[in-house]
Amino acid sequence: MFRVLIVDDEVGVQASLRMLLKSDCEVAVASDVDAALRAIGKAPPDLILLDLVMPGRSGLDLLAELSGQADPPPVMVLTATHTVATAVEAMKCGAADYVTKPFDVDALRIKVRQLLERRALEHEVVRLRAQVEGQERLGALLGRSRAMQAVFSTIRRVAESKATVLIRGESGTGKELAARALHDLSSRSAGGFVPVNCAAIPDSLIESELFGHERGAFTGAVEKRIGRFEAATGGTLFLDEIGELSPGAQAKLLRVLQERKLERLGSSETVDLDVRIIAASNRDLDRDVEEGRFREDLFYRINVVPLVLPPLRERREDIRPLAVHFLEQSCREAGHPVLDLSNQVCSVLERYRWPGNVRELENAIEHAVALCDGAAFQIDDLPGAVVRAGRREFLRDAVRSGRLGFEEATADFERELLREALEYTGWNQTRTAEQLRITRRALKLRMDRVGLKHPNGPQGPQGPQGPRGPQGPRDSNGPDGAKANPRT
């Protein structure tokens, strides 16, 4: 049943409204603003009927107090005919509607019902949105695709288990986020989550980092230090990029995992371990085992429960919600209103292959937000690799659908190919021609034919002496591995 709070200092009005609403609503009354605030604190109402003119603080003061609440109830103002202007002011302050005294009973009942129905609908929308988000999110992971829903299901099933989990996936797919979700959903969530980047620790220090050391155990060990295993007691130890460990470090780790005990460097004291292990790698550990780079016995020890995170290119339906999430996050951090994300931009994002996966998408959105100077960022605000890939896909689609003729599509593709090659060499036409295996004169003719000019105007006969790009000579392949045409 709906709850309605009547805030009016006239006893007769309180009685009339209570009589009118009691068959459909739970009714409470308050004679002043302070009493109303106390009543709201005890049992938040679904609707407030508020008189503006009362002794002490006015109804406008209550509206001001409610405006600071997270989910304030709608307010219908009760006002005398000669104070309608004040009621209009109250509407500007957040009131949902008003009625004049003496009020028409039927009109009041209709307005009350409409406001209560609207309130119920708003709460239902919030509930459904939370339900959908609960299905699409798990911790900091986000995904509505079937592949990510399978990942979520596995995480929920094994979170309470003590079994070691091996998370595999390409760089940027969110392996640490999955590990944190496993920890947060487990009975160990009150304990610590201790991440270790195995690739970032020199082999000479890995034993000290993982197992700790006593004072004087080696040169520079000026005090006792517990290792990451002990720091994670009662919680979870996350061994990221475990495939980068050296054979010696793998042997030491295997012994600790088998015995669930360790000894600090320089100590003969044995320390019992109470820690759950989650490991992760972007390497093909099966191949590493076959080729002798990773111990087979250690692999079986950590691969008790395998969890594979799919690359972003295999779950393209997640790209748009991820982009929206990162856009809101970047705008919030930049301190300006959230930008619009157009369907055209989303189409470009969804067509790109994202070799860097979710991390690359996040960086691309942050890049676009930094460059955008309008209410919505444009395709050209995205990183160049994303833009070029999107344009190529648009050309293919346009040709297949008949929106663009072959000659036009060829010219557009050639323009983009030339632009990419010129940008790579800093618009040095001589080096660009060498890269494309054509003469510089042929390059200039092609540039003129497709209307391609240096963005800063004429640059002289050789073009600017810009950077060569990555170290070493570049092969003669064009974008996406397409072989450049050697003919002029």
Protein backbone atom coordinates (compact mmCIF):
# COMPACT_ATOMS: atom_id res chain seq x y z
CA MET A 1 0.00 0.00 0.00
CA PHE A 2 1.20 3.51 -0.82
CA ARG A 3 2.21 5.86 2.00
CA VAL A 4 1.06 9.49 1.87
CA LEU A 5 2.25 12.21 4.26
CA ILE A 6 0.01 15.25 4.79
CA VAL A 7 1.91 18.33 5.97
CA ASP A 8 -0.61 21.02 7.01
CA ASP A 9 -1.19 22.94 10.25
CA GLU A 10 -4.99 22.99 9.82
CA VAL A 11 -6.60 20.07 11.65
CA GLY A 12 -9.67 20.24 9.44
CA VAL A 13 -7.61 19.85 6.27
CA GLN A 14 -5.72 16.93 7.82
CA ALA A 15 -8.98 15.17 8.69
CA SER A 16 -10.53 15.79 5.26
CA LEU A 17 -7.53 14.47 3.37
CA ARG A 18 -7.16 11.46 5.65
CA MET A 19 -10.82 10.57 5.09
CA LEU A 20 -10.39 10.99 1.33
CA LEU A 21 -7.25 8.81 1.00
CA LYS A 22 -7.41 6.23 3.79
CA SER A 23 -9.20 3.58 1.72
CA ASP A 24 -6.34 3.47 -0.83
CA CYS A 25 -3.30 4.67 1.11
CA GLU A 26 -1.55 4.56 4.45
CA VAL A 27 -1.84 8.17 5.67
CA ALA A 28 0.39 10.05 8.13
CA VAL A 29 0.13 13.71 9.17
CA ALA A 30 2.54 16.41 10.32
CA SER A 31 1.72 19.96 11.43
CA ASP A 32 5.06 21.61 10.59
CA VAL A 33 8.24 21.11 8.62
CA ASP A 34 10.31 19.66 11.47
CA ALA A 35 7.63 17.07 12.26
CA ALA A 36 7.44 16.23 8.56
CA LEU A 37 11.21 15.62 8.37
CA ARG A 38 11.04 13.31 11.36
CA ALA A 39 8.17 11.36 9.78
CA ILE A 40 10.05 11.08 6.48
CA GLY A 41 13.12 9.78 8.30
CA LYS A 42 11.11 7.03 10.03
CA ALA A 43 9.02 5.92 7.04
CA PRO A 44 9.72 7.54 3.65
CA PRO A 45 6.39 8.32 1.95
CA ASP A 46 5.48 7.76 -1.68
CA LEU A 47 3.78 11.18 -1.88
CA ILE A 48 3.67 14.37 0.21
CA LEU A 49 0.70 16.75 0.25
CA LEU A 50 2.25 20.01 1.42
CA ASP A 51 0.77 23.28 2.61
CA LEU A 52 3.07 26.18 1.82
CA VAL A 53 1.96 28.60 4.57
CA MET A 54 2.56 27.26 8.08
CA PRO A 55 3.87 28.67 11.36
CA GLY A 56 7.66 28.67 11.56
CA ARG A 57 9.35 27.20 8.50
CA SER A 58 7.37 27.26 5.26
CA GLY A 59 6.61 24.55 2.77
CA LEU A 60 9.36 25.95 0.53
CA ASP A 61 11.86 25.14 3.29
CA LEU A 62 10.75 21.51 3.22
CA LEU A 63 11.14 21.40 -0.56
CA ALA A 64 14.70 22.70 -0.15
CA GLU A 65 15.44 19.97 2.40
CA LEU A 66 14.02 17.27 0.12
CA SER A 67 16.03 18.44 -2.88
CA GLY A 68 19.20 17.19 -1.18
CA GLN A 69 17.90 13.63 -0.81
CA ALA A 70 18.87 10.85 -3.21
CA ASP A 71 15.32 9.74 -4.03
CA PRO A 72 12.89 12.40 -2.78
CA PRO A 73 9.16 11.60 -2.95
CA PRO A 74 6.95 13.71 -5.24
CA VAL A 75 5.28 16.70 -3.58
CA MET A 76 1.83 18.09 -4.34
CA VAL A 77 1.42 21.62 -3.03
CA LEU A 78 -1.82 22.68 -1.28
CA THR A 79 -2.37 26.42 -1.65
CA ALA A 80 -5.11 29.03 -1.37
CA THR A 81 -6.40 30.62 -4.56
CA HIS A 82 -4.78 33.98 -3.79
CA THR A 83 -1.32 32.37 -3.38
CA VAL A 84 -1.11 30.56 -6.72
CA ALA A 85 2.02 32.55 -7.59
CA THR A 86 3.73 30.96 -4.58
CA ALA A 87 2.66 27.54 -5.81
CA VAL A 88 4.31 28.27 -9.15
CA GLU A 89 7.48 29.16 -7.26
CA ALA A 90 7.20 25.84 -5.44
CA MET A 91 6.99 24.04 -8.80
CA LYS A 92 10.29 25.66 -9.74
CA CYS A 93 11.74 24.33 -6.48
CA GLY A 94 10.79 20.75 -7.31
CA ALA A 95 7.08 20.31 -6.51
CA ALA A 96 5.39 17.87 -8.88
CA ASP A 97 1.92 19.50 -8.93
CA TYR A 98 -0.41 21.74 -6.95
CA VAL A 99 -4.11 22.10 -6.07
CA THR A 100 -5.92 25.14 -4.70
CA LYS A 101 -8.03 25.30 -1.57
CA PRO A 102 -10.88 24.63 -1.37
CA PHE A 103 -10.01 21.70 -3.63
CA ASP A 104 -12.20 19.61 -5.88
CA VAL A 105 -12.30 16.12 -4.39
CA ASP A 106 -12.39 14.23 -7.69
CA ALA A 107 -9.62 16.34 -9.22
CA LEU A 108 -7.45 15.83 -6.13
CA ARG A 109 -8.01 12.08 -6.14
CA ILE A 110 -7.04 11.86 -9.83
CA LYS A 111 -3.85 13.86 -9.31
CA VAL A 112 -2.88 11.78 -6.28
CA ARG A 113 -3.40 8.56 -8.23
CA GLN A 114 -1.35 9.84 -11.18
CA LEU A 115 1.58 10.86 -8.98
CA LEU A 116 1.54 7.56 -7.09
CA GLU A 117 1.41 5.57 -10.32
CA ARG A 118 4.32 7.59 -11.70
CA ARG A 119 6.27 6.94 -8.49
CA ALA A 120 5.59 3.22 -8.74
CA LEU A 121 6.70 3.21 -12.38
CA GLU A 122 9.95 5.02 -11.53
CA HIS A 123 10.75 2.47 -8.84
CA GLU A 124 9.99 -0.39 -11.23
CA VAL A 125 12.35 1.09 -13.83
CA VAL A 126 15.09 1.39 -11.21
CA ARG A 127 14.50 -2.21 -10.11
CA LEU A 128 14.58 -3.57 -13.64
CA ARG A 129 17.68 -1.54 -14.51
CA ALA A 130 19.45 -2.90 -11.42
CA GLN A 131 18.38 -6.41 -12.38
CA VAL A 132 19.73 -6.01 -15.92
CA GLU A 133 22.96 -4.46 -14.68
CA GLY A 134 23.30 -7.31 -12.22
CA GLN A 135 23.16 -9.74 -15.12
CA GLU A 136 25.58 -7.72 -17.26
CA ARG A 137 28.08 -6.97 -14.50
CA LEU A 138 30.14 -9.05 -12.15
CA GLY A 139 32.36 -6.92 -9.98
CA ALA A 140 34.20 -4.64 -12.40
CA LEU A 141 33.62 -7.00 -15.35
CA LEU A 142 30.98 -5.96 -17.88
CA GLY A 143 29.44 -8.10 -20.60
CA ARG A 144 26.06 -9.11 -21.96
CA SER A 145 27.45 -11.50 -24.58
CA ARG A 146 26.97 -15.25 -24.25
CA ALA A 147 30.74 -15.70 -23.86
CA MET A 148 30.95 -13.30 -20.90
CA GLN A 149 27.80 -14.71 -19.32
CA ALA A 150 29.54 -18.10 -19.36
CA VAL A 151 32.56 -16.52 -17.65
CA PHE A 152 30.30 -14.97 -15.00
CA SER A 153 28.63 -18.33 -14.41
CA THR A 154 31.98 -20.08 -13.91
CA ILE A 155 33.20 -17.39 -11.50
CA ARG A 156 30.04 -17.66 -9.40
CA ARG A 157 30.27 -21.47 -9.27
CA VAL A 158 33.93 -21.70 -8.25
CA ALA A 159 34.22 -18.57 -6.07
CA GLU A 160 33.55 -20.49 -2.84
CA SER A 161 35.84 -23.34 -3.83
CA LYS A 162 39.40 -23.58 -2.49
CA ALA A 163 40.59 -24.85 -5.88
CA THR A 164 43.36 -23.00 -7.70
CA VAL A 165 42.09 -21.14 -10.77
CA LEU A 166 44.10 -20.42 -13.92
CA ILE A 167 42.76 -17.45 -15.88
CA ARG A 168 43.89 -17.32 -19.50
CA GLY A 169 43.31 -14.70 -22.14
CA GLU A 170 44.99 -12.10 -24.28
CA SER A 171 46.42 -8.92 -22.78
CA GLY A 172 43.72 -6.42 -21.91
CA THR A 173 40.85 -8.90 -21.52
CA GLY A 174 40.44 -8.25 -17.78
CA LYS A 175 42.19 -11.18 -16.09
CA GLU A 176 42.91 -9.28 -12.88
CA LEU A 177 39.30 -8.05 -12.75
CA ALA A 178 38.14 -11.67 -13.00
CA ALA A 179 40.53 -12.64 -10.20
CA ARG A 180 39.17 -9.85 -8.01
CA ALA A 181 35.61 -10.99 -8.71
CA LEU A 182 36.55 -14.53 -7.62
CA HIS A 183 38.02 -13.14 -4.41
CA ASP A 184 35.14 -10.76 -3.66
CA LEU A 185 32.54 -13.51 -4.07
CA SER A 186 34.41 -15.98 -1.88
CA SER A 187 34.41 -16.49 1.88
CA ARG A 188 37.92 -15.01 1.81
CA SER A 189 36.69 -11.57 0.76
CA ALA A 190 37.41 -10.21 4.25
CA GLY A 191 41.07 -11.15 3.74
CA GLY A 192 43.49 -9.42 1.45
CA PHE A 193 43.72 -9.64 -2.33
CA VAL A 194 47.46 -9.56 -3.11
CA PRO A 195 48.38 -9.22 -6.80
CA VAL A 196 51.88 -10.09 -8.03
CA ASN A 197 53.09 -9.29 -11.53
CA CYS A 198 55.54 -12.13 -12.06
CA ALA A 199 56.90 -10.53 -15.25
CA ALA A 200 57.93 -7.37 -13.39
CA ILE A 201 60.07 -9.01 -10.69
CA PRO A 202 63.71 -9.87 -11.53
CA ASP A 203 64.53 -13.54 -11.13
CA SER A 204 67.09 -12.70 -8.44
CA LEU A 205 64.37 -11.15 -6.27
CA ILE A 206 61.40 -13.43 -6.95
CA GLU A 207 62.06 -15.78 -4.02
CA SER A 208 62.35 -12.88 -1.57
CA GLU A 209 59.22 -11.21 -2.99
CA LEU A 210 57.10 -14.32 -2.80
CA PHE A 211 58.41 -16.01 0.34
CA GLY A 212 60.03 -13.19 2.33
CA HIS A 213 63.42 -13.05 4.07
CA GLU A 214 65.08 -12.63 7.44
CA ARG A 215 67.40 -9.80 8.34
CA GLY A 216 70.88 -10.47 6.96
CA ALA A 217 69.69 -13.20 4.60
CA PHE A 218 71.57 -11.47 1.77
CA THR A 219 73.35 -8.23 1.08
CA GLY A 220 70.87 -5.40 1.51
CA ALA A 221 68.45 -7.38 3.70
CA VAL A 222 68.60 -4.90 6.58
CA GLU A 223 65.34 -6.01 8.16
CA LYS A 224 62.93 -8.92 8.22
CA ARG A 225 60.26 -8.90 5.52
CA ILE A 226 57.28 -11.17 4.94
CA GLY A 227 56.61 -12.24 1.37
CA ARG A 228 53.49 -12.00 -0.74
CA PHE A 229 52.32 -15.47 0.28
CA GLU A 230 52.22 -14.52 3.96
CA ALA A 231 50.73 -11.12 3.17
CA ALA A 232 47.80 -12.93 1.54
CA THR A 233 47.11 -15.15 4.59
CA GLY A 234 43.36 -15.64 4.92
CA GLY A 235 42.85 -14.10 1.50
CA THR A 236 43.87 -14.57 -2.15
CA LEU A 237 47.25 -14.42 -3.90
CA PHE A 238 46.99 -13.49 -7.59
CA LEU A 239 50.02 -14.57 -9.64
CA ASP A 240 49.68 -12.58 -12.85
CA GLU A 241 51.72 -13.56 -15.93
CA ILE A 242 52.89 -16.74 -14.21
CA GLY A 243 54.22 -17.99 -17.54
CA GLU A 244 57.07 -15.46 -17.32
CA LEU A 245 58.68 -17.16 -14.31
CA SER A 246 62.10 -18.71 -14.85
CA PRO A 247 62.56 -22.48 -14.48
CA GLY A 248 64.21 -21.97 -11.11
CA ALA A 249 61.37 -19.81 -9.81
CA GLN A 250 58.84 -22.33 -11.15
CA ALA A 251 60.50 -25.12 -9.15
CA LYS A 252 60.42 -23.10 -5.92
CA LEU A 253 56.80 -22.11 -6.47
CA LEU A 254 55.78 -25.71 -7.17
CA ARG A 255 57.25 -26.89 -3.87
CA VAL A 256 55.34 -24.29 -1.89
CA LEU A 257 52.07 -25.08 -3.67
CA GLN A 258 52.52 -28.79 -3.04
CA GLU A 259 53.44 -28.55 0.64
CA ARG A 260 51.38 -25.46 1.53
CA LYS A 261 54.36 -24.39 3.61
CA LEU A 262 57.30 -22.06 3.10
CA GLU A 263 60.52 -20.93 4.65
CA ARG A 264 61.69 -17.34 4.44
CA LEU A 265 65.14 -16.79 3.01
CA GLY A 266 67.67 -17.04 5.81
CA SER A 267 65.28 -18.91 8.12
CA SER A 268 64.73 -22.55 9.04
CA GLU A 269 61.29 -21.83 10.47
CA THR A 270 58.39 -23.34 8.53
CA VAL A 271 55.33 -21.17 7.95
CA ASP A 272 51.98 -22.84 7.26
CA LEU A 273 49.98 -21.22 4.47
CA ASP A 274 46.30 -20.36 4.40
CA VAL A 275 45.93 -18.71 1.02
CA ARG A 276 44.03 -19.31 -2.19
CA ILE A 277 46.00 -19.14 -5.41
CA ILE A 278 44.69 -17.61 -8.62
CA ALA A 279 47.11 -17.53 -11.54
CA ALA A 280 46.86 -15.85 -14.94
CA SER A 281 48.76 -15.81 -18.20
CA ASN A 282 48.41 -14.45 -21.72
CA ARG A 283 50.80 -17.10 -23.03
CA ASP A 284 49.93 -20.42 -24.64
CA LEU A 285 51.00 -22.48 -21.62
CA ASP A 286 50.11 -25.76 -23.31
CA ARG A 287 52.68 -25.01 -26.01
CA ASP A 288 55.17 -23.79 -23.40
CA VAL A 289 54.80 -27.13 -21.60
CA GLU A 290 55.32 -29.06 -24.83
CA GLU A 291 58.43 -27.01 -25.65
CA GLY A 292 59.86 -27.25 -22.15
CA ARG A 293 59.50 -23.59 -21.16
CA PHE A 294 56.96 -24.27 -18.42
CA ARG A 295 56.96 -27.15 -15.96
CA GLU A 296 54.25 -29.70 -16.68
CA ASP A 297 53.77 -30.53 -12.99
CA LEU A 298 53.35 -26.85 -12.11
CA PHE A 299 50.89 -26.39 -14.96
CA TYR A 300 48.67 -29.20 -13.65
CA ARG A 301 48.97 -27.79 -10.13
CA ILE A 302 47.64 -24.36 -11.14
CA ASN A 303 45.22 -25.45 -13.88
CA VAL A 304 42.72 -27.09 -11.50
CA VAL A 305 39.89 -24.81 -12.67
CA PRO A 306 40.57 -23.18 -16.06
CA LEU A 307 38.86 -19.89 -16.87
CA VAL A 308 39.28 -18.42 -20.37
CA LEU A 309 38.43 -14.76 -21.04
CA PRO A 310 37.39 -14.18 -24.67
CA PRO A 311 39.02 -11.40 -26.73
CA LEU A 312 36.85 -8.37 -27.41
CA ARG A 313 36.62 -9.14 -31.15
CA GLU A 314 34.72 -12.33 -30.26
CA ARG A 315 32.09 -10.50 -28.20
CA ARG A 316 31.29 -7.45 -30.28
CA GLU A 317 27.88 -6.98 -28.65
CA ASP A 318 29.79 -5.90 -25.53
CA ILE A 319 31.64 -3.08 -27.29
CA ARG A 320 28.84 -0.51 -27.13
CA PRO A 321 28.01 -0.93 -23.40
CA LEU A 322 31.72 -0.95 -22.59
CA ALA A 323 32.21 2.22 -24.63
CA VAL A 324 29.31 3.91 -22.82
CA HIS A 325 30.78 2.87 -19.46
CA PHE A 326 34.26 4.17 -20.31
CA LEU A 327 32.78 7.36 -21.78
CA GLU A 328 30.89 8.14 -18.57
CA GLN A 329 33.99 7.32 -16.54
CA SER A 330 36.33 9.49 -18.64
CA CYS A 331 33.93 12.44 -18.70
CA ARG A 332 33.47 12.23 -14.95
CA GLU A 333 37.24 12.21 -14.41
CA ALA A 334 37.65 15.11 -16.84
CA GLY A 335 35.00 17.09 -14.95
CA HIS A 336 32.60 17.84 -17.79
CA PRO A 337 29.17 16.56 -18.88
CA VAL A 338 28.92 13.12 -20.47
CA LEU A 339 29.38 13.30 -24.24
CA ASP A 340 26.98 11.75 -26.70
CA LEU A 341 27.98 8.49 -28.37
CA SER A 342 26.53 8.41 -31.88
CA ASN A 343 25.51 5.29 -33.77
CA GLN A 344 28.11 6.13 -36.41
CA VAL A 345 30.91 6.16 -33.84
CA CYS A 346 29.60 2.92 -32.34
CA SER A 347 29.64 1.32 -35.78
CA VAL A 348 33.32 2.19 -36.15
CA LEU A 349 34.10 0.84 -32.69
CA GLU A 350 32.23 -2.39 -33.38
CA ARG A 351 34.08 -2.99 -36.67
CA TYR A 352 37.60 -2.58 -35.27
CA ARG A 353 39.40 -5.78 -34.18
CA TRP A 354 40.78 -4.39 -30.88
CA PRO A 355 44.11 -6.27 -30.64
CA GLY A 356 44.55 -4.64 -27.21
CA ASN A 357 41.05 -5.75 -26.17
CA VAL A 358 39.11 -3.93 -23.44
CA ARG A 359 42.16 -1.98 -22.27
CA GLU A 360 42.65 -0.58 -25.79
CA LEU A 361 38.97 0.36 -26.01
CA GLU A 362 39.21 2.22 -22.70
CA ASN A 363 42.29 4.09 -23.93
CA ALA A 364 40.58 4.93 -27.24
CA ILE A 365 37.57 6.45 -25.45
CA GLU A 366 39.84 8.43 -23.12
CA HIS A 367 41.76 9.65 -26.21
CA ALA A 368 38.53 10.78 -27.88
CA VAL A 369 37.28 12.58 -24.75
CA ALA A 370 40.58 14.45 -24.48
CA LEU A 371 40.37 15.65 -28.10
CA CYS A 372 36.64 16.35 -28.33
CA ASP A 373 35.53 19.98 -28.17
CA GLY A 374 31.77 19.53 -28.69
CA ALA A 375 28.76 17.82 -27.15
CA ALA A 376 29.54 14.55 -28.97
CA PHE A 377 32.90 13.24 -30.08
CA GLN A 378 33.41 12.51 -33.76
CA ILE A 379 34.98 9.56 -35.52
CA ASP A 380 38.13 11.57 -36.16
CA ASP A 381 38.58 12.06 -32.39
CA LEU A 382 39.34 8.34 -32.11
CA PRO A 383 42.90 6.99 -32.51
CA GLY A 384 44.09 6.78 -36.11
CA ALA A 385 44.21 2.97 -36.26
CA VAL A 386 40.56 2.73 -35.22
CA VAL A 387 39.48 5.42 -37.70
CA ARG A 388 41.32 3.84 -40.63
CA ALA A 389 39.93 0.39 -39.93
CA GLY A 390 36.43 1.84 -39.64
CA ARG A 391 36.72 3.67 -42.95
CA ARG A 392 37.87 0.52 -44.73
CA GLU A 393 34.91 -1.42 -43.37
CA PHE A 394 32.51 1.36 -44.38
CA LEU A 395 33.91 1.24 -47.91
CA ARG A 396 33.42 -2.51 -48.11
CA ASP A 397 29.85 -2.26 -46.85
CA ALA A 398 29.06 0.62 -49.18
CA VAL A 399 30.29 -1.33 -52.20
CA ARG A 400 28.47 -4.52 -51.20
CA SER A 401 25.21 -2.61 -50.65
CA GLY A 402 25.53 -0.66 -53.90
CA ARG A 403 25.69 2.75 -52.18
CA LEU A 404 29.15 3.36 -53.64
CA GLY A 405 30.50 2.56 -57.09
CA PHE A 406 33.67 0.59 -57.67
CA GLU A 407 35.68 3.55 -58.98
CA GLU A 408 34.70 5.75 -56.02
CA ALA A 409 35.48 3.00 -53.53
CA THR A 410 38.86 2.35 -55.17
CA ALA A 411 39.75 6.04 -54.99
CA ASP A 412 38.71 6.27 -51.34
CA PHE A 413 40.70 3.17 -50.43
CA GLU A 414 43.76 4.43 -52.31
CA ARG A 415 43.47 7.78 -50.53
CA GLU A 416 43.43 6.09 -47.13
CA LEU A 417 46.33 3.80 -48.05
CA LEU A 418 48.43 6.73 -49.22
CA ARG A 419 47.50 8.82 -46.19
CA GLU A 420 48.52 6.02 -43.81
CA ALA A 421 51.86 5.51 -45.58
CA LEU A 422 52.59 9.24 -45.62
CA GLU A 423 51.72 9.64 -41.94
CA TYR A 424 54.03 6.73 -41.12
CA THR A 425 57.00 8.52 -42.73
CA GLY A 426 56.09 11.97 -41.46
CA TRP A 427 54.83 12.95 -44.93
CA ASN A 428 58.26 12.40 -46.49
CA GLN A 429 57.30 11.61 -50.08
CA THR A 430 60.63 10.01 -51.03
CA ARG A 431 60.56 7.51 -48.17
CA THR A 432 56.84 6.89 -48.73
CA ALA A 433 57.46 6.06 -52.38
CA GLU A 434 60.24 3.65 -51.36
CA GLN A 435 57.93 2.00 -48.86
CA LEU A 436 55.17 1.57 -51.48
CA ARG A 437 57.68 0.43 -54.16
CA ILE A 438 56.69 3.16 -56.58
CA THR A 439 58.54 6.21 -57.86
CA ARG A 440 58.16 9.52 -56.12
CA ARG A 441 56.64 10.98 -59.32
CA ALA A 442 54.03 8.17 -59.37
CA LEU A 443 53.26 8.89 -55.72
CA LYS A 444 52.73 12.58 -56.44
CA LEU A 445 50.45 11.79 -59.39
CA ARG A 446 48.37 9.45 -57.25
CA MET A 447 48.13 12.03 -54.46
CA ASP A 448 46.91 14.66 -56.95
CA ARG A 449 44.42 12.25 -58.49
CA VAL A 450 42.75 11.43 -55.16
CA GLY A 451 43.02 14.99 -53.83
CA LEU A 452 45.46 14.18 -51.00
CA LYS A 453 47.51 17.10 -49.67
CA HIS A 454 49.74 17.63 -46.67
CA PRO A 455 47.54 18.79 -43.74
CA ASN A 456 49.86 21.78 -43.16
CA GLY A 457 50.10 22.86 -46.76
CA PRO A 458 53.01 22.57 -49.28
CA GLN A 459 56.16 21.17 -47.69
CA GLY A 460 58.73 21.43 -50.43
CA PRO A 461 59.91 18.90 -53.00
CA GLN A 462 60.79 16.12 -50.56
CA GLY A 463 58.11 16.69 -47.90
CA PRO A 464 59.02 17.23 -44.26
CA GLN A 465 61.82 15.16 -42.76
CA GLY A 466 59.57 13.58 -40.15
CA PRO A 467 60.22 10.52 -38.04
CA ARG A 468 60.52 7.12 -39.64
CA GLY A 469 58.19 5.56 -37.12
CA PRO A 470 59.16 2.28 -35.38
CA GLN A 471 62.82 1.27 -35.44
CA GLY A 472 64.05 -0.73 -38.37
CA PRO A 473 62.85 -0.89 -41.98
CA ARG A 474 59.19 -1.53 -42.59
CA ASP A 475 58.18 -4.25 -45.02
CA SER A 476 56.33 -3.50 -48.21
CA ASN A 477 53.01 -4.78 -46.99
CA GLY A 478 50.15 -2.31 -46.87
CA PRO A 479 47.52 -2.00 -44.14
CA ASP A 480 46.17 -5.27 -42.76
CA GLY A 481 48.94 -7.17 -44.49
CA ALA A 482 47.72 -6.34 -48.04
CA LYS A 483 50.59 -6.45 -50.51
CA ALA A 484 51.34 -3.08 -52.08
CA ASN A 485 51.14 -2.86 -55.87
CA PRO A 486 54.70 -2.56 -57.19
CA ARG A 487 53.55 -1.19 -60.54
CA THR A 488 53.50 2.58 -61.07
